[in-house]
Amino acid sequence: MKIKAFEKEILENCIDDKDFVKFLKENSNLKLELETVDIRKEEKVEENSYVVEGIVGEYLEEISYIQPLSKEELETVLETLDEEESAHKLIESNLREVANIAFDYLIAGIDYLDLIQEGNIGVIKSLEEYRPSNGDIIEYIKLWARREMLLFVDEKVETEKYMYKGYFSKRKEELIEHEIVAELEEEDTDEIPLDEKSEIIEEKINEVEKLDYNSVLKKISHLEEEILKRYYGLIGDKRESLFEIENALDLKRGEGEQLFEEALTKISLGGGRSLKI
């Protein structure tokens, strides 16, 4: 199943945990297809100057040393999954995977560490619901982590939409009220007719209504994302040095370091709104 199709299914039919459990039961061994992207393609990303939090780099550095469980270790853990120590091992061994998935939902107005926290909540839920009939537990964990991040981002965007629609609706009411008072007092109103003003505001409301999380700019480009993932070992078998990354991605000497520092700063930005109307 493609990721976009999975996200559509979640938002339309699996908001409730019970519905998601049922969906996974009906689609055992579900694995999402990773979408191929051109990391060289120019992209429009968010530009802002919010507070930079240094702990993001520290966190990624810390989890980069955590190794995934071997096949034998995973089998042992699955036999004692109801024990706290086994659950902890699975949660810890998937921290890098959660950090990796979080980049898919890192849009303007969303904090990277908040996404990771939501993803880890998904991991915990997955361990509570997992049954052998669900298939590969690692894939099962990733599906739950992705779902929690998606719901978190969608709720943030929908909340902002509600606020914007409320603002524009209030402006429309104020315009009508002002027009009525002006007519009663026989004052000259603005040169723009009321119906035209109302139409402009109504267009804004409709514009906001059409927006969703896919409409929001990403915080970093695919190239910057690739560099961070390689450097912190979120993909591949090992961490890569900036020198290795420059060679692998055919970057100029020093370009990898510059892009890395810029990307790390961007994902460390906190605060702000997702929607720019």
Protein backbone atom coordinates (compact mmCIF):
# COMPACT_ATOMS: atom_id res chain seq x y z
CA MET A 1 0.00 0.00 0.00
CA LYS A 2 1.27 3.47 -0.87
CA ILE A 3 1.82 5.87 2.04
CA LYS A 4 -0.74 8.40 0.76
CA ALA A 5 -3.38 5.68 0.48
CA PHE A 6 -2.56 4.58 4.03
CA GLU A 7 -2.89 8.15 5.32
CA LYS A 8 -6.23 8.57 3.54
CA GLU A 9 -7.50 5.36 5.14
CA ILE A 10 -6.41 6.55 8.60
CA LEU A 11 -8.04 9.96 8.38
CA GLU A 12 -11.27 8.65 6.86
CA ASN A 13 -11.79 5.39 8.73
CA CYS A 14 -9.23 4.85 11.51
CA ILE A 15 -9.26 7.86 13.82
CA ASP A 16 -10.27 5.58 16.68
CA ASP A 17 -7.71 3.05 17.94
CA LYS A 18 -10.25 0.22 17.75
CA ASP A 19 -10.89 0.92 14.07
CA PHE A 20 -7.16 0.90 13.38
CA VAL A 21 -6.72 -2.41 15.22
CA LYS A 22 -9.50 -3.87 13.07
CA PHE A 23 -7.92 -2.47 9.90
CA LEU A 24 -4.54 -4.03 10.72
CA LYS A 25 -6.21 -7.33 11.55
CA GLU A 26 -7.88 -7.33 8.14
CA ASN A 27 -4.60 -6.32 6.47
CA SER A 28 -2.05 -8.49 8.26
CA ASN A 29 1.57 -8.18 7.10
CA LEU A 30 0.78 -4.75 5.66
CA LYS A 31 3.90 -3.00 4.41
CA LEU A 32 3.97 0.52 3.03
CA GLU A 33 5.67 1.34 -0.25
CA LEU A 34 8.31 4.04 0.12
CA GLU A 35 7.93 6.77 -2.46
CA THR A 36 10.91 7.61 -4.66
CA VAL A 37 11.82 11.29 -4.56
CA ASP A 38 14.30 13.39 -6.49
CA ILE A 39 16.51 14.88 -3.78
CA ARG A 40 17.98 17.30 -6.34
CA LYS A 41 14.64 18.85 -7.23
CA GLU A 42 14.22 22.42 -6.06
CA GLU A 43 11.63 22.69 -3.33
CA LYS A 44 9.88 25.51 -1.54
CA VAL A 45 10.34 25.08 2.20
CA GLU A 46 9.34 27.07 5.25
CA GLU A 47 11.27 30.23 6.06
CA ASN A 48 11.07 31.51 9.62
CA SER A 49 13.17 32.63 12.57
CA TYR A 50 11.71 30.90 15.59
CA VAL A 51 13.62 29.68 18.63
CA VAL A 52 16.38 27.14 17.98
CA GLU A 53 16.56 24.24 20.42
CA GLY A 54 19.95 22.50 20.56
CA ILE A 55 18.56 19.33 22.09
CA VAL A 56 17.43 17.96 18.71
CA GLY A 57 21.00 17.33 17.60
CA GLU A 58 21.84 15.86 20.99
CA TYR A 59 18.89 13.47 20.79
CA LEU A 60 19.74 12.28 17.28
CA GLU A 61 23.35 11.81 18.33
CA GLU A 62 22.27 9.74 21.33
CA ILE A 63 19.93 7.39 19.45
CA SER A 64 22.39 6.94 16.59
CA TYR A 65 24.33 4.49 18.76
CA ILE A 66 21.32 2.26 19.46
CA GLN A 67 21.50 -0.93 17.45
CA PRO A 68 18.41 -2.75 16.12
CA LEU A 69 17.67 -6.13 17.62
CA SER A 70 19.13 -9.14 15.86
CA LYS A 71 16.77 -11.82 14.56
CA GLU A 72 17.58 -14.02 17.56
CA GLU A 73 17.11 -11.16 20.04
CA LEU A 74 13.79 -10.25 18.44
CA GLU A 75 12.53 -13.81 18.73
CA THR A 76 13.47 -13.87 22.42
CA VAL A 77 11.75 -10.55 23.06
CA LEU A 78 8.57 -11.69 21.31
CA GLU A 79 8.35 -14.70 23.60
CA THR A 80 8.25 -12.40 26.65
CA LEU A 81 6.54 -9.35 25.14
CA ASP A 82 4.28 -8.95 28.16
CA GLU A 83 7.33 -8.30 30.36
CA GLU A 84 8.43 -4.70 30.92
CA GLU A 85 12.07 -5.34 30.03
CA SER A 86 11.17 -6.90 26.67
CA ALA A 87 8.82 -4.05 25.81
CA HIS A 88 11.53 -1.53 26.72
CA LYS A 89 14.02 -3.26 24.41
CA LEU A 90 11.59 -3.07 21.51
CA ILE A 91 10.77 0.57 22.16
CA GLU A 92 14.44 1.52 22.40
CA SER A 93 15.46 -0.46 19.32
CA ASN A 94 12.85 1.42 17.27
CA LEU A 95 13.78 4.96 18.32
CA ARG A 96 15.79 5.51 15.15
CA GLU A 97 12.94 4.23 12.99
CA VAL A 98 10.54 6.65 14.66
CA ALA A 99 12.98 9.53 14.14
CA ASN A 100 13.23 8.51 10.49
CA ILE A 101 9.46 8.41 9.89
CA ALA A 102 9.04 11.77 11.65
CA PHE A 103 10.68 13.53 8.70
CA ASP A 104 7.66 12.61 6.55
CA TYR A 105 5.46 14.81 8.75
CA LEU A 106 7.88 17.62 9.60
CA ILE A 107 5.93 20.57 8.25
CA ALA A 108 5.82 24.24 9.22
CA GLY A 109 4.55 24.82 12.74
CA ILE A 110 5.36 21.28 13.89
CA ASP A 111 8.19 20.53 16.34
CA TYR A 112 10.36 17.57 15.37
CA LEU A 113 10.64 16.29 18.94
CA ASP A 114 6.85 16.50 19.37
CA LEU A 115 6.49 14.28 16.32
CA ILE A 116 8.95 11.80 17.77
CA GLN A 117 7.04 11.77 21.05
CA GLU A 118 3.80 11.00 19.20
CA GLY A 119 5.55 8.28 17.23
CA ASN A 120 6.84 6.68 20.40
CA ILE A 121 3.31 6.70 21.82
CA GLY A 122 2.34 4.78 18.70
CA VAL A 123 5.10 2.25 19.39
CA ILE A 124 3.77 1.67 22.91
CA LYS A 125 0.22 1.23 21.59
CA SER A 126 1.45 -1.23 18.98
CA LEU A 127 3.02 -3.44 21.64
CA GLU A 128 -0.25 -3.48 23.57
CA GLU A 129 -2.23 -4.53 20.50
CA TYR A 130 0.22 -6.82 18.69
CA ARG A 131 -0.71 -10.43 18.03
CA PRO A 132 1.35 -12.96 16.03
CA SER A 133 -1.43 -12.97 13.41
CA ASN A 134 -0.55 -9.33 12.68
CA GLY A 135 2.65 -10.46 10.99
CA ASP A 136 6.05 -8.74 11.14
CA ILE A 137 6.13 -6.83 14.43
CA ILE A 138 8.61 -4.21 13.17
CA GLU A 139 6.32 -3.28 10.28
CA TYR A 140 3.38 -3.30 12.71
CA ILE A 141 5.24 -0.91 15.01
CA LYS A 142 6.05 1.45 12.14
CA LEU A 143 2.40 1.59 11.05
CA TRP A 144 1.29 2.62 14.53
CA ALA A 145 4.05 5.21 14.84
CA ARG A 146 3.17 6.73 11.47
CA ARG A 147 -0.53 6.83 12.34
CA GLU A 148 0.04 8.73 15.60
CA MET A 149 2.21 11.32 13.85
CA LEU A 150 -0.33 11.74 11.06
CA LEU A 151 -3.20 12.28 13.51
CA PHE A 152 -1.08 14.77 15.48
CA VAL A 153 -0.25 16.83 12.39
CA ASP A 154 -3.79 16.65 11.01
CA GLU A 155 -5.26 17.86 14.32
CA LYS A 156 -2.82 20.80 14.40
CA VAL A 157 -3.76 21.87 10.88
CA GLU A 158 -7.50 21.40 11.45
CA THR A 159 -7.31 23.47 14.66
CA GLU A 160 -5.66 26.33 12.77
CA LYS A 161 -8.27 26.05 10.01
CA TYR A 162 -11.02 26.39 12.62
CA MET A 163 -9.34 29.50 14.04
CA TYR A 164 -8.95 31.12 10.62
CA LYS A 165 -12.54 30.36 9.61
CA GLY A 166 -13.74 31.81 12.91
CA TYR A 167 -11.72 34.98 12.29
CA PHE A 168 -13.03 35.48 8.76
CA SER A 169 -16.62 34.74 9.78
CA LYS A 170 -16.37 37.36 12.53
CA ARG A 171 -14.97 39.90 10.05
CA LYS A 172 -17.92 39.23 7.76
CA GLU A 173 -20.39 39.83 10.61
CA GLU A 174 -18.59 43.04 11.58
CA LEU A 175 -18.77 44.33 8.00
CA ILE A 176 -22.50 43.68 7.79
CA GLU A 177 -23.09 45.34 11.17
CA HIS A 178 -21.01 48.37 10.18
CA GLU A 179 -22.92 48.69 6.90
CA ILE A 180 -26.30 48.57 8.65
CA VAL A 181 -25.29 51.22 11.21
CA ALA A 182 -23.94 53.47 8.45
CA GLU A 183 -27.18 53.19 6.48
CA LEU A 184 -29.28 54.00 9.56
CA GLU A 185 -27.16 57.07 10.25
CA GLU A 186 -27.21 57.96 6.54
CA GLU A 187 -23.44 58.01 6.35
CA ASP A 188 -21.43 57.31 3.21
CA THR A 189 -20.07 53.77 3.39
CA ASP A 190 -16.84 52.55 1.86
CA GLU A 191 -16.53 52.73 -1.91
CA ILE A 192 -16.40 48.91 -2.08
CA PRO A 193 -19.94 47.45 -1.92
CA LEU A 194 -20.77 45.17 0.99
CA ASP A 195 -21.53 42.20 -1.26
CA GLU A 196 -18.05 42.43 -2.82
CA LYS A 197 -16.39 42.55 0.61
CA SER A 198 -18.46 39.60 1.76
CA GLU A 199 -17.53 37.68 -1.38
CA ILE A 200 -13.82 38.25 -0.75
CA ILE A 201 -14.14 36.99 2.82
CA GLU A 202 -16.22 34.00 1.68
CA GLU A 203 -13.49 33.14 -0.84
CA LYS A 204 -10.95 33.19 2.00
CA ILE A 205 -13.12 30.86 4.07
CA ASN A 206 -13.44 28.45 1.13
CA GLU A 207 -9.69 28.66 0.53
CA VAL A 208 -8.99 27.70 4.15
CA GLU A 209 -11.53 24.86 4.01
CA LYS A 210 -9.62 23.20 1.14
CA LEU A 211 -6.31 23.15 3.01
CA ASP A 212 -4.92 20.05 4.71
CA TYR A 213 -1.55 18.87 6.04
CA ASN A 214 -0.39 18.24 2.46
CA SER A 215 -0.83 21.96 1.74
CA VAL A 216 1.72 22.97 4.37
CA LEU A 217 5.36 23.57 3.45
CA LYS A 218 7.96 21.12 4.71
CA LYS A 219 10.64 22.45 7.07
CA ILE A 220 13.51 20.98 5.06
CA SER A 221 14.13 19.79 1.50
CA HIS A 222 14.53 16.14 0.50
CA LEU A 223 18.27 16.71 0.02
CA GLU A 224 18.66 18.15 3.52
CA GLU A 225 16.59 15.29 4.89
CA GLU A 226 18.80 12.72 3.14
CA ILE A 227 21.95 14.29 4.59
CA LEU A 228 20.60 14.25 8.15
CA LYS A 229 19.41 10.65 7.85
CA ARG A 230 22.76 9.47 6.53
CA TYR A 231 24.76 11.41 9.11
CA TYR A 232 22.78 10.12 12.10
CA GLY A 233 22.41 6.60 10.73
CA LEU A 234 18.63 6.70 10.40
CA ILE A 235 18.94 4.87 7.07
CA GLY A 236 21.49 2.36 5.84
CA ASP A 237 23.68 0.02 7.85
CA LYS A 238 25.90 2.68 9.44
CA ARG A 239 26.42 6.38 10.04
CA GLU A 240 28.19 8.28 7.29
CA SER A 241 30.67 11.11 7.69
CA LEU A 242 30.04 14.39 5.88
CA PHE A 243 32.92 13.47 3.55
CA GLU A 244 31.20 10.17 2.67
CA ILE A 245 27.86 11.94 2.22
CA GLU A 246 29.38 14.49 -0.15
CA ASN A 247 30.84 11.69 -2.26
CA ALA A 248 27.63 9.63 -2.24
CA LEU A 249 25.42 12.59 -3.19
CA ASP A 250 27.96 14.18 -5.56
CA LEU A 251 28.21 17.39 -3.55
CA LYS A 252 31.04 19.89 -3.64
CA ARG A 253 33.59 19.76 -0.84
CA GLY A 254 32.19 21.68 2.11
CA GLU A 255 28.68 21.78 0.65
CA GLY A 256 27.59 18.78 2.69
CA GLU A 257 28.64 20.42 5.95
CA GLN A 258 26.85 23.65 5.09
CA LEU A 259 23.63 21.84 4.15
CA PHE A 260 23.87 19.67 7.26
CA GLU A 261 24.20 22.65 9.61
CA GLU A 262 21.34 24.50 7.91
CA ALA A 263 19.09 21.44 8.03
CA LEU A 264 19.85 20.76 11.70
CA THR A 265 18.99 24.36 12.52
CA LYS A 266 15.69 24.12 10.64
CA ILE A 267 14.52 20.95 12.38
CA SER A 268 15.47 22.51 15.71
CA LEU A 269 13.11 25.43 15.17
CA GLY A 270 10.18 25.51 17.54
CA GLY A 271 6.84 27.27 17.42
CA GLY A 272 4.91 29.03 14.71
CA ARG A 273 1.81 28.27 12.69
CA SER A 274 1.40 25.65 10.01
CA LEU A 275 -0.96 27.63 7.79
CA LYS A 276 0.01 30.94 6.23
CA ILE A 277 -3.12 32.67 4.93
